[in-house]
Amino acid sequence: MSKKLLCIIIFFFCGLCIQAGNNLGFSKQKPLIFGLDTDYAPLEYVDEDGMPKGYDVEFARELMRRLDIPFTFQPNKWENISGDVMTGRVDLAMMVYSPYRKHDICYSHAVFRLYYQIVYRVDDLERFDLRNLEGKEIAFMKSRPVSDTLSKIGVKMVETKNLPKAMQDLSKGKYDAVICFRYQANYLMEHYNLMNLKAEDLTLMAREYCFVSKNKKLIDAIDMELQLMETDGAIMKYYGGVASWFGGNIPDWIFFLFGGLVILFMLVFIFYQHKTQNKLFVQMKKAQQNERLKTVFLANVSHALRTPLNAIIGFSDVLREGAGMLPPEDEKELLEQVHKNGRQLAYFVDELLQLSNYEGSELQFNRTEIDLPQVLHEYEEEMARYLKEGVILKVTSPHDTCKVTVDSNHLRTVVMHFLRNAAAHTTEGQITLFYEMRDGGLFLSVKDTGEGVPKKLQKNIFGLLSEKETYVQSEAPGLGLSICKAIIDQINGKIGLESEEGKGSTFWFWTPCKIEIQP
């Protein structure tokens, strides 16, 4: 709805402009006379064939077309243009706004703004600006603001009517500098290849470049159309080629767009800064937690190492000091304790090395297709000797035949840890090994009817040595579950526990893998 309303408003104003153009008294028999400076390149000039050229020429044609005003160009010298407008010899021209003439002629809104520059030779080491121009010989085209400023500084002023010649004379060593508009400086240095000249901005007030006429109705119609041309980007379309030279009269929508982009950039910057700060905060917390866990881990490892070592040293001392005096049965018992603690210590060190290898580097997986039911039944037969009297192990699944592509060695490590852990804590009842295809991967669980895991240990059961009150088995320090988690994490799987004290536990894992189920 808003777009339709905007179109209606634009067409309404365009209709007013066209009507205004038709009511201004111009016709094909009596066209509008546009005063054209013959030497004001690149804005307006005449070429070798006497044809009007320049940015002003193209823009004026578009403006007159929109206003439906027939017109013709009348070339003249720069010094005569203002007089032609004042006397009515021409109906319209483009000039720099002058507060001294505002009561005699009518000025349109600024098409764009002109900025002053001072041009000097690059081999002059002295910097040129308004603070150090005293005594310098400066050439410029007639301009009351410039002459008023330079006269106060004490400059040797030279008014010129031929700016291109003045620039070439400056390049050859005449004058100390030339003051002109930015677009003139850039154009003339480039056009005449004046490579030994340099231009710098001056802190003089920018001048407005406008349409001028004695006809106020004409200027009012032009003002209305200029607003539309600024909105639809027509001004930049025609003057974009020299916009960087004269500063340009940038449409309001460009300022709004630029402002919006700045605000968007600031919001994105603030968002990412906040996100980065949060990330750093989380990383700091994690680093602090890791430091705490490392301290607890080292303390628990020291305790787990020290217990069997103390037993070995203590029993060895008794054997050494009582050599030949102890009854044979006591001596045999002490030797068995030394052997038992030695094996426990060796087992613990071996698990530490495995855990370090799994967590400290990327594992290499050698995946092959295996007959899963057959492999798990082999595990069942191997575990038979570890089961306590009266405990049975059963393998169940909804699939009779199932082939999976996994690393068989890592699969054996995880499943056998689950089974041995269940066997060690189950004195009666049943251990169930279950597997099935779930969510595009393999789900496997080991459920027992044993004593269950104490509630305080369930939260960190897969990182037992990271807790102060660590869970250490009587015959093995209990790093198996930590090893299982390290393996499952490496293959982007999941691992978990469900347990109730006195009723048993269920350890499970899920891993993504290729599965083929045969009917």
Protein backbone atom coordinates (compact mmCIF):
# COMPACT_ATOMS: atom_id res chain seq x y z
CA MET A 1 0.00 0.00 0.00
CA SER A 2 2.84 2.39 0.88
CA LYS A 3 4.51 1.75 -2.50
CA LYS A 4 1.31 2.60 -4.35
CA LEU A 5 0.92 5.79 -2.32
CA LEU A 6 4.52 6.80 -3.06
CA CYS A 7 3.99 6.25 -6.79
CA ILE A 8 0.82 8.36 -6.72
CA ILE A 9 2.64 11.19 -4.93
CA ILE A 10 5.56 11.07 -7.41
CA PHE A 11 3.22 11.09 -10.41
CA PHE A 12 1.28 13.95 -8.82
CA PHE A 13 4.41 16.08 -8.42
CA CYS A 14 5.61 15.14 -11.89
CA GLY A 15 2.25 16.27 -13.25
CA LEU A 16 2.59 19.56 -11.42
CA CYS A 17 6.09 20.04 -12.81
CA ILE A 18 5.02 19.32 -16.38
CA GLN A 19 2.05 21.61 -16.00
CA ALA A 20 4.34 24.28 -14.56
CA GLY A 21 6.73 23.83 -17.50
CA ASN A 22 3.90 24.22 -20.00
CA ASN A 23 2.63 27.38 -18.23
CA LEU A 24 6.00 29.19 -18.19
CA GLY A 25 5.56 30.59 -21.68
CA PHE A 26 8.22 28.49 -23.45
CA SER A 27 7.46 26.73 -26.71
CA LYS A 28 9.20 25.38 -29.77
CA GLN A 29 8.75 28.78 -31.36
CA LYS A 30 10.06 30.51 -28.22
CA PRO A 31 12.37 28.04 -26.45
CA LEU A 32 14.13 28.65 -23.15
CA ILE A 33 17.62 30.08 -23.69
CA PHE A 34 20.25 28.35 -21.57
CA GLY A 35 23.45 30.38 -21.08
CA LEU A 36 26.48 28.11 -21.53
CA ASP A 37 30.06 28.92 -20.50
CA THR A 38 32.33 28.06 -23.43
CA ASP A 39 35.31 27.25 -21.19
CA TYR A 40 34.13 25.68 -17.93
CA ALA A 41 35.21 22.09 -18.51
CA PRO A 42 34.35 19.47 -17.52
CA LEU A 43 30.98 20.88 -16.40
CA GLU A 44 30.20 22.83 -19.56
CA TYR A 45 32.12 23.85 -22.68
CA VAL A 46 32.00 23.67 -26.49
CA ASP A 47 34.07 21.22 -28.49
CA GLU A 48 36.07 21.83 -31.67
CA ASP A 49 32.86 21.65 -33.71
CA GLY A 50 31.13 24.22 -31.51
CA MET A 51 28.82 21.63 -29.92
CA PRO A 52 27.81 22.01 -26.24
CA LYS A 53 29.47 19.36 -24.03
CA GLY A 54 29.88 18.58 -20.33
CA TYR A 55 28.05 17.28 -17.26
CA ASP A 56 25.88 20.41 -17.00
CA VAL A 57 24.77 20.00 -20.61
CA GLU A 58 23.59 16.41 -20.14
CA PHE A 59 21.90 17.20 -16.83
CA ALA A 60 20.13 20.28 -18.25
CA ARG A 61 18.78 18.19 -21.13
CA GLU A 62 17.31 15.67 -18.69
CA LEU A 63 15.85 18.41 -16.48
CA MET A 64 14.21 20.22 -19.42
CA ARG A 65 12.85 16.90 -20.72
CA ARG A 66 11.22 16.21 -17.37
CA LEU A 67 9.77 19.72 -17.23
CA ASP A 68 8.66 19.48 -20.87
CA ILE A 69 10.36 22.78 -21.70
CA PRO A 70 11.82 23.33 -25.19
CA PHE A 71 15.24 24.97 -24.91
CA THR A 72 18.43 25.90 -26.70
CA PHE A 73 21.99 26.52 -25.52
CA GLN A 74 23.59 29.94 -26.03
CA PRO A 75 27.38 29.75 -25.55
CA ASN A 76 29.21 32.77 -24.13
CA LYS A 77 32.29 33.74 -22.17
CA TRP A 78 32.30 33.18 -18.41
CA GLU A 79 32.54 36.88 -17.54
CA ASN A 80 29.39 37.58 -19.59
CA ILE A 81 27.15 34.80 -18.25
CA SER A 82 26.01 36.63 -15.09
CA GLY A 83 25.30 39.81 -17.04
CA ASP A 84 23.24 37.84 -19.56
CA VAL A 85 21.14 36.41 -16.72
CA MET A 86 20.76 39.77 -14.95
CA THR A 87 19.58 41.51 -18.13
CA GLY A 88 17.35 38.67 -19.24
CA ARG A 89 19.31 37.93 -22.43
CA VAL A 90 19.29 34.29 -21.30
CA ASP A 91 16.53 32.60 -19.31
CA LEU A 92 18.65 30.14 -17.34
CA ALA A 93 22.25 29.30 -16.44
CA MET A 94 24.26 27.46 -13.80
CA MET A 95 26.37 29.50 -11.41
CA VAL A 96 27.89 29.51 -7.94
CA TYR A 97 25.55 30.99 -5.35
CA SER A 98 26.48 34.54 -4.35
CA PRO A 99 24.82 36.28 -1.38
CA TYR A 100 25.61 39.59 -3.08
CA ARG A 101 23.28 38.80 -6.02
CA LYS A 102 20.46 37.01 -4.18
CA HIS A 103 18.22 40.10 -4.31
CA ASP A 104 18.67 40.55 -8.06
CA ILE A 105 18.34 36.99 -9.40
CA CYS A 106 16.79 33.74 -8.22
CA TYR A 107 18.86 30.69 -7.21
CA SER A 108 17.62 27.10 -7.16
CA HIS A 109 18.47 24.58 -4.47
CA ALA A 110 22.09 23.44 -4.69
CA VAL A 111 22.66 20.74 -7.28
CA PHE A 112 25.95 20.00 -5.48
CA ARG A 113 28.61 21.81 -3.47
CA LEU A 114 32.03 22.97 -4.64
CA TYR A 115 35.10 22.83 -2.44
CA TYR A 116 38.19 25.01 -2.79
CA GLN A 117 41.72 23.72 -3.26
CA ILE A 118 45.09 25.39 -3.54
CA VAL A 119 47.39 24.08 -6.28
CA TYR A 120 51.18 24.43 -6.12
CA ARG A 121 54.34 22.84 -7.48
CA VAL A 122 55.46 19.63 -5.77
CA ASP A 123 59.08 20.83 -5.57
CA ASP A 124 57.99 23.63 -3.23
CA LEU A 125 58.77 22.18 0.18
CA GLU A 126 56.68 24.74 2.05
CA ARG A 127 53.18 23.61 2.88
CA PHE A 128 50.46 25.84 1.43
CA ASP A 129 47.43 26.72 3.54
CA LEU A 130 45.70 29.89 4.70
CA ARG A 131 48.17 30.32 7.58
CA ASN A 132 51.28 30.78 5.47
CA LEU A 133 50.16 32.48 2.24
CA GLU A 134 51.34 35.95 3.20
CA GLY A 135 53.46 37.47 0.45
CA LYS A 136 52.67 34.67 -2.02
CA GLU A 137 51.49 35.40 -5.54
CA ILE A 138 48.18 33.59 -5.96
CA ALA A 139 46.10 33.41 -9.15
CA PHE A 140 42.33 32.77 -9.07
CA MET A 141 39.20 33.45 -11.03
CA LYS A 142 37.11 36.39 -9.85
CA SER A 143 35.42 35.48 -6.58
CA ARG A 144 34.53 37.88 -3.79
CA PRO A 145 34.83 35.29 -0.94
CA VAL A 146 38.29 34.31 -2.17
CA SER A 147 39.50 37.86 -2.72
CA ASP A 148 38.14 38.98 0.70
CA THR A 149 39.98 36.12 2.43
CA LEU A 150 43.26 36.62 0.56
CA SER A 151 43.28 40.39 1.06
CA LYS A 152 43.15 39.90 4.83
CA ILE A 153 46.16 37.55 4.67
CA GLY A 154 48.32 39.89 2.58
CA VAL A 155 48.50 37.84 -0.61
CA LYS A 156 49.61 39.22 -3.99
CA MET A 157 46.35 38.54 -5.81
CA VAL A 158 46.14 37.91 -9.55
CA GLU A 159 42.63 37.62 -11.01
CA THR A 160 42.53 35.50 -14.15
CA LYS A 161 39.83 34.93 -16.71
CA ASN A 162 41.53 31.86 -18.15
CA LEU A 163 42.00 29.21 -15.48
CA PRO A 164 43.53 26.54 -17.79
CA LYS A 165 46.27 29.01 -18.84
CA ALA A 166 46.85 30.00 -15.18
CA MET A 167 47.36 26.34 -14.23
CA GLN A 168 49.82 25.82 -17.10
CA ASP A 169 51.68 29.01 -16.13
CA LEU A 170 51.91 27.75 -12.54
CA SER A 171 53.39 24.49 -13.80
CA LYS A 172 56.06 26.50 -15.70
CA GLY A 173 57.05 28.55 -12.64
CA LYS A 174 54.74 31.56 -12.79
CA TYR A 175 52.80 32.34 -9.59
CA ASP A 176 53.28 30.56 -6.26
CA ALA A 177 49.86 28.89 -6.34
CA VAL A 178 46.42 28.85 -7.93
CA ILE A 179 43.13 28.67 -6.00
CA CYS A 180 40.20 26.99 -7.72
CA PHE A 181 37.51 24.42 -7.07
CA ARG A 182 38.46 20.80 -6.43
CA TYR A 183 36.89 19.49 -9.62
CA GLN A 184 38.76 22.14 -11.67
CA ALA A 185 42.10 21.30 -10.08
CA ASN A 186 41.72 17.56 -10.70
CA TYR A 187 40.39 17.93 -14.22
CA LEU A 188 42.98 20.45 -15.42
CA MET A 189 45.99 18.63 -13.90
CA GLU A 190 44.81 15.42 -15.55
CA HIS A 191 43.75 16.98 -18.86
CA TYR A 192 46.99 18.95 -19.38
CA ASN A 193 49.21 16.30 -17.72
CA LEU A 194 50.57 18.75 -15.14
CA MET A 195 52.45 16.10 -13.15
CA ASN A 196 54.55 18.62 -11.18
CA LEU A 197 51.50 20.13 -9.48
CA LYS A 198 49.86 19.11 -6.23
CA ALA A 199 46.50 20.14 -4.74
CA GLU A 200 45.33 20.39 -1.13
CA ASP A 201 41.97 21.35 0.36
CA LEU A 202 41.51 24.82 1.79
CA THR A 203 39.38 25.67 4.81
CA LEU A 204 37.17 28.01 2.82
CA MET A 205 33.42 27.63 2.97
CA ALA A 206 32.03 25.32 0.28
CA ARG A 207 30.03 27.03 -2.48
CA GLU A 208 26.62 25.93 -3.77
CA TYR A 209 26.32 25.29 -7.51
CA CYS A 210 22.79 26.22 -8.63
CA PHE A 211 20.51 27.11 -11.49
CA VAL A 212 19.96 30.88 -11.77
CA SER A 213 17.26 32.91 -13.49
CA LYS A 214 15.29 36.14 -13.28
CA ASN A 215 12.16 33.99 -13.60
CA LYS A 216 11.07 32.88 -10.11
CA LYS A 217 8.35 30.56 -11.43
CA LEU A 218 10.97 28.78 -13.51
CA ILE A 219 13.25 28.35 -10.48
CA ASP A 220 10.32 27.09 -8.36
CA ALA A 221 9.53 24.45 -10.99
CA ILE A 222 13.21 23.46 -11.17
CA ASP A 223 13.42 23.19 -7.34
CA MET A 224 10.47 20.81 -7.26
CA GLU A 225 11.98 18.62 -9.96
CA LEU A 226 15.44 18.67 -8.33
CA GLN A 227 13.94 17.15 -5.19
CA LEU A 228 12.53 14.28 -7.24
CA MET A 229 15.81 13.87 -9.13
CA GLU A 230 17.73 13.74 -5.87
CA THR A 231 15.35 11.09 -4.52
CA ASP A 232 15.53 8.84 -7.58
CA GLY A 233 19.31 9.23 -7.91
CA ALA A 234 19.29 11.16 -11.20
CA ILE A 235 21.70 13.82 -9.91
CA MET A 236 24.31 11.21 -9.02
CA LYS A 237 23.64 9.48 -12.34
CA TYR A 238 24.70 12.57 -14.30
CA TYR A 239 27.32 14.00 -11.94
CA GLY A 240 28.68 10.73 -10.54
CA GLY A 241 31.71 10.90 -12.82
CA VAL A 242 33.06 13.97 -11.04
CA ALA A 243 31.40 13.47 -7.65
CA SER A 244 34.71 12.79 -5.90
CA TRP A 245 36.13 16.00 -7.46
CA PHE A 246 33.51 18.43 -6.27
CA GLY A 247 32.24 16.57 -3.20
CA GLY A 248 28.87 15.81 -4.79
CA ASN A 249 25.34 16.46 -3.70
CA ILE A 250 24.66 13.01 -2.36
CA PRO A 251 20.97 12.03 -2.21
CA ASP A 252 19.42 11.72 1.26
CA TRP A 253 18.70 8.03 0.74
CA ILE A 254 22.43 7.38 0.44
CA PHE A 255 23.03 9.04 3.81
CA PHE A 256 20.21 6.96 5.32
CA LEU A 257 21.62 3.81 3.75
CA PHE A 258 25.11 4.60 4.98
CA GLY A 259 23.79 5.41 8.44
CA GLY A 260 21.81 2.17 8.48
CA LEU A 261 24.88 0.19 7.47
CA VAL A 262 26.91 1.88 10.21
CA ILE A 263 24.24 1.03 12.79
CA LEU A 264 24.03 -2.54 11.47
CA PHE A 265 27.81 -2.85 11.63
CA MET A 266 27.82 -1.58 15.22
CA LEU A 267 25.07 -4.02 16.22
CA VAL A 268 26.92 -6.92 14.58
CA PHE A 269 30.16 -5.79 16.24
CA ILE A 270 28.48 -5.59 19.65
CA PHE A 271 26.85 -9.00 19.11
CA TYR A 272 30.11 -10.70 18.19
CA GLN A 273 31.98 -8.89 20.95
CA HIS A 274 29.39 -10.13 23.44
CA LYS A 275 29.57 -13.61 21.93
CA THR A 276 33.37 -13.58 22.08
CA GLN A 277 33.32 -12.42 25.69
CA ASN A 278 30.91 -15.20 26.59
CA LYS A 279 33.09 -17.70 24.78
CA LEU A 280 36.19 -16.46 26.59
CA PHE A 281 34.31 -16.63 29.89
CA VAL A 282 33.24 -20.22 29.18
CA GLN A 283 36.79 -21.14 28.17
CA MET A 284 38.15 -19.54 31.33
CA LYS A 285 35.66 -21.50 33.45
CA LYS A 286 36.55 -24.66 31.57
CA ALA A 287 40.27 -24.00 32.09
CA GLN A 288 39.67 -23.50 35.82
CA GLN A 289 37.60 -26.70 35.92
CA ASN A 290 40.29 -28.60 34.03
CA GLU A 291 42.91 -27.32 36.43
CA ARG A 292 40.80 -28.50 39.36
CA LEU A 293 40.17 -31.87 37.73
CA LYS A 294 43.88 -32.27 36.99
CA THR A 295 44.71 -31.66 40.64
CA VAL A 296 42.09 -34.19 41.81
CA PHE A 297 43.15 -36.67 39.12
CA LEU A 298 46.80 -36.53 40.13
CA ALA A 299 45.87 -36.90 43.78
CA ASN A 300 43.72 -39.98 43.02
CA VAL A 301 46.36 -41.49 40.75
CA SER A 302 48.97 -41.00 43.49
CA HIS A 303 46.65 -42.72 45.96
CA ALA A 304 45.93 -45.61 43.56
CA LEU A 305 49.66 -46.08 42.95
CA ARG A 306 50.69 -45.69 46.56
CA THR A 307 48.29 -48.34 47.95
CA PRO A 308 49.70 -51.37 46.10
CA LEU A 309 53.26 -49.99 46.36
CA ASN A 310 52.97 -49.69 50.15
CA ALA A 311 51.63 -53.25 50.30
CA ILE A 312 54.46 -54.57 48.15
CA ILE A 313 57.13 -52.73 50.18
CA GLY A 314 55.56 -53.69 53.52
CA PHE A 315 55.22 -57.39 52.74
CA SER A 316 58.70 -57.45 51.20
CA ASP A 317 60.18 -55.94 54.39
CA VAL A 318 58.47 -58.61 56.50
CA LEU A 319 59.82 -61.34 54.23
CA ARG A 320 63.31 -59.85 54.28
CA GLU A 321 63.50 -59.36 58.05
CA GLY A 322 61.91 -62.74 58.85
CA ALA A 323 63.75 -64.74 56.24
CA GLY A 324 64.06 -68.35 57.46
CA MET A 325 62.04 -67.68 60.62
CA LEU A 326 58.49 -67.47 59.24
CA PRO A 327 56.32 -70.54 58.93
CA PRO A 328 56.15 -71.74 55.32
CA GLU A 329 52.40 -71.07 55.08
CA ASP A 330 52.84 -67.43 56.28
CA GLU A 331 55.71 -66.86 53.91
CA LYS A 332 53.59 -68.22 51.03
CA GLU A 333 50.69 -65.91 51.98
CA LEU A 334 52.99 -62.86 52.02
CA LEU A 335 54.42 -63.78 48.63
CA GLU A 336 50.90 -64.10 47.23
CA GLN A 337 50.03 -60.60 48.54
CA VAL A 338 53.16 -59.14 46.95
CA HIS A 339 52.27 -60.84 43.67
CA LYS A 340 48.63 -59.74 43.84
CA ASN A 341 49.50 -56.07 44.51
CA GLY A 342 52.18 -56.16 41.83
CA ARG A 343 49.65 -57.39 39.26
CA GLN A 344 47.17 -54.75 40.41
CA LEU A 345 49.82 -52.05 40.05
CA ALA A 346 50.81 -53.28 36.58
CA TYR A 347 47.12 -53.38 35.52
CA PHE A 348 46.58 -49.82 36.73
CA VAL A 349 49.66 -48.48 34.93
CA ASP A 350 48.56 -50.27 31.74
CA GLU A 351 45.09 -48.65 31.94
CA LEU A 352 46.66 -45.24 32.56
CA LEU A 353 48.72 -45.63 29.41
CA GLN A 354 45.63 -46.69 27.43
CA LEU A 355 43.60 -43.74 28.72
CA SER A 356 46.42 -41.31 27.89
CA ASN A 357 46.64 -42.71 24.38
CA TYR A 358 42.88 -42.52 23.75
CA GLU A 359 42.40 -38.99 25.12
CA GLY A 360 45.65 -37.43 23.92
CA SER A 361 45.50 -38.12 20.19
CA GLU A 362 43.23 -38.96 17.30
CA LEU A 363 42.54 -42.68 17.19
CA GLN A 364 43.16 -44.60 14.01
CA PHE A 365 40.14 -46.74 13.13
CA ASN A 366 40.32 -49.84 10.97
CA ARG A 367 36.67 -50.45 10.15
CA THR A 368 35.65 -53.82 8.76
CA GLU A 369 32.35 -55.61 8.33
CA ILE A 370 31.69 -58.17 11.06
CA ASP A 371 28.89 -60.60 11.91
CA LEU A 372 27.78 -58.92 15.13
CA PRO A 373 25.72 -61.79 16.65
CA GLN A 374 28.60 -64.22 16.14
CA VAL A 375 31.15 -61.82 17.68
CA LEU A 376 28.96 -61.11 20.72
CA HIS A 377 28.36 -64.85 21.32
CA GLU A 378 32.14 -65.29 21.32
CA TYR A 379 32.31 -62.63 24.03
CA GLU A 380 29.60 -64.55 25.89
CA GLU A 381 31.66 -67.76 25.87
CA GLU A 382 34.83 -65.90 26.91
CA MET A 383 33.07 -64.26 29.86
CA ALA A 384 31.72 -67.54 31.24
CA ARG A 385 34.78 -68.07 33.48
CA TYR A 386 34.41 -64.61 35.06
CA LEU A 387 30.80 -65.09 36.16
CA LYS A 388 30.06 -65.87 39.79
CA GLU A 389 28.22 -69.08 40.59
CA GLY A 390 24.53 -68.84 39.77
CA VAL A 391 24.91 -65.80 37.44
CA ILE A 392 24.03 -66.27 33.78
CA LEU A 393 24.93 -64.12 30.73
CA LYS A 394 22.45 -63.82 27.89
CA VAL A 395 22.70 -62.07 24.46
CA THR A 396 19.40 -60.71 23.11
CA SER A 397 18.38 -58.68 20.04
CA PRO A 398 15.39 -58.13 17.74
CA HIS A 399 17.73 -59.03 14.83
CA ASP A 400 18.75 -62.62 14.14
CA THR A 401 21.41 -61.64 11.61
CA CYS A 402 23.16 -58.28 11.64
CA LYS A 403 26.35 -57.15 9.94
CA VAL A 404 28.00 -53.91 11.03
CA THR A 405 31.05 -52.00 9.84
CA VAL A 406 33.12 -51.06 12.90
CA ASP A 407 36.63 -51.26 14.34
CA SER A 408 36.45 -54.71 15.93
CA ASN A 409 39.30 -54.03 18.38
CA HIS A 410 37.70 -50.91 19.83
CA LEU A 411 34.31 -52.62 19.91
CA ARG A 412 35.82 -55.48 21.92
CA THR A 413 37.50 -53.03 24.34
CA VAL A 414 34.24 -51.23 25.17
CA VAL A 415 31.94 -54.30 25.33
CA MET A 416 34.36 -56.41 27.38
CA HIS A 417 34.84 -53.54 29.87
CA PHE A 418 31.06 -53.37 30.26
CA LEU A 419 30.79 -57.15 30.71
CA ARG A 420 33.69 -57.47 33.16
CA ASN A 421 32.39 -54.57 35.20
CA ALA A 422 28.95 -56.21 35.36
CA ALA A 423 30.45 -59.61 36.27
CA ALA A 424 32.51 -58.07 39.08
CA HIS A 425 29.43 -56.53 40.74
CA THR A 426 26.78 -59.19 40.12
CA THR A 427 26.58 -62.08 42.63
CA GLU A 428 23.21 -63.46 41.56
CA GLY A 429 20.67 -63.06 38.77
CA GLN A 430 21.43 -62.28 35.14
CA ILE A 431 23.57 -60.13 32.89
CA THR A 432 21.92 -59.18 29.59
CA LEU A 433 23.85 -58.05 26.52
CA PHE A 434 21.38 -56.31 24.17
CA TYR A 435 21.90 -54.72 20.74
CA GLU A 436 19.75 -53.24 18.00
CA MET A 437 19.79 -50.77 15.10
CA ARG A 438 18.72 -47.31 16.34
CA ASP A 439 18.84 -43.81 14.76
CA GLY A 440 21.13 -44.91 11.93
CA GLY A 441 23.69 -46.56 14.19
CA LEU A 442 24.39 -49.38 16.63
CA PHE A 443 22.90 -49.29 20.13
CA LEU A 444 24.36 -51.78 22.64
CA SER A 445 23.74 -52.16 26.37
CA VAL A 446 24.86 -54.42 29.24
CA LYS A 447 22.29 -54.77 32.01
CA ASP A 448 23.02 -56.53 35.31
CA THR A 449 21.17 -57.34 38.53
CA GLY A 450 24.09 -56.44 40.74
CA GLU A 451 24.64 -54.01 43.56
CA GLY A 452 24.28 -50.90 41.40
CA VAL A 453 26.42 -47.76 41.34
CA PRO A 454 26.33 -45.40 44.36
CA LYS A 455 24.28 -42.30 43.49
CA LYS A 456 27.10 -39.90 44.32
CA LEU A 457 29.32 -41.60 41.70
CA GLN A 458 26.79 -41.86 38.85
CA LYS A 459 27.24 -38.26 37.65
CA ASN A 460 30.91 -38.74 36.81
CA ILE A 461 31.14 -42.51 36.51
CA PHE A 462 33.08 -42.24 33.26
CA GLY A 463 35.71 -40.02 34.83
CA LEU A 464 36.11 -41.59 38.24
CA LEU A 465 39.61 -40.37 38.95
CA SER A 466 38.32 -36.79 38.55
CA GLU A 467 36.19 -37.09 41.71
CA LYS A 468 37.58 -36.72 45.23
CA GLU A 469 35.69 -39.77 46.45
CA THR A 470 36.80 -41.98 43.60
CA TYR A 471 35.32 -45.41 42.95
CA VAL A 472 38.18 -47.92 42.94
CA GLN A 473 37.49 -51.61 42.58
CA SER A 474 39.20 -53.98 44.93
CA GLU A 475 41.09 -55.75 42.17
CA ALA A 476 41.27 -53.04 39.50
CA PRO A 477 41.49 -49.25 39.95
CA GLY A 478 38.48 -48.77 37.60
CA LEU A 479 39.76 -46.78 34.61
CA GLY A 480 37.90 -49.05 32.16
CA LEU A 481 34.83 -46.82 31.92
CA SER A 482 37.00 -43.74 31.31
CA ILE A 483 38.70 -45.63 28.48
CA CYS A 484 35.30 -46.59 27.04
CA LYS A 485 34.15 -42.98 27.03
CA ALA A 486 37.37 -41.80 25.35
CA ILE A 487 36.83 -44.33 22.52
CA ILE A 488 33.14 -43.48 22.03
CA ASP A 489 33.89 -39.75 22.03
CA GLN A 490 36.46 -40.25 19.26
CA ILE A 491 33.83 -41.82 16.96
CA ASN A 492 31.19 -39.15 17.72
CA GLY A 493 29.05 -41.59 19.66
CA LYS A 494 27.18 -41.43 22.96
CA ILE A 495 27.65 -43.32 26.21
CA GLY A 496 25.62 -43.46 29.38
CA LEU A 497 24.49 -45.22 32.57
CA GLU A 498 21.20 -46.02 34.27
CA SER A 499 21.51 -47.44 37.78
CA GLU A 500 19.64 -47.92 41.03
CA GLU A 501 21.46 -49.01 44.17
CA GLY A 502 20.63 -52.60 45.15
CA LYS A 503 18.81 -53.31 41.86
CA GLY A 504 21.53 -53.23 39.22
CA SER A 505 22.93 -51.08 36.43
CA THR A 506 22.67 -50.65 32.67
CA PHE A 507 25.69 -49.34 30.76
CA TRP A 508 25.02 -48.42 27.12
CA PHE A 509 26.58 -46.76 24.10
CA TRP A 510 25.46 -45.69 20.62
CA THR A 511 27.79 -45.26 17.67
CA PRO A 512 27.12 -44.21 14.06
CA CYS A 513 28.02 -47.01 11.68
CA LYS A 514 26.89 -48.88 8.60
CA ILE A 515 24.46 -51.68 9.45
CA GLU A 516 23.07 -54.43 7.25
CA ILE A 517 20.18 -56.42 8.68
CA GLN A 518 19.19 -59.57 6.84
CA PRO A 519 15.69 -61.05 7.20
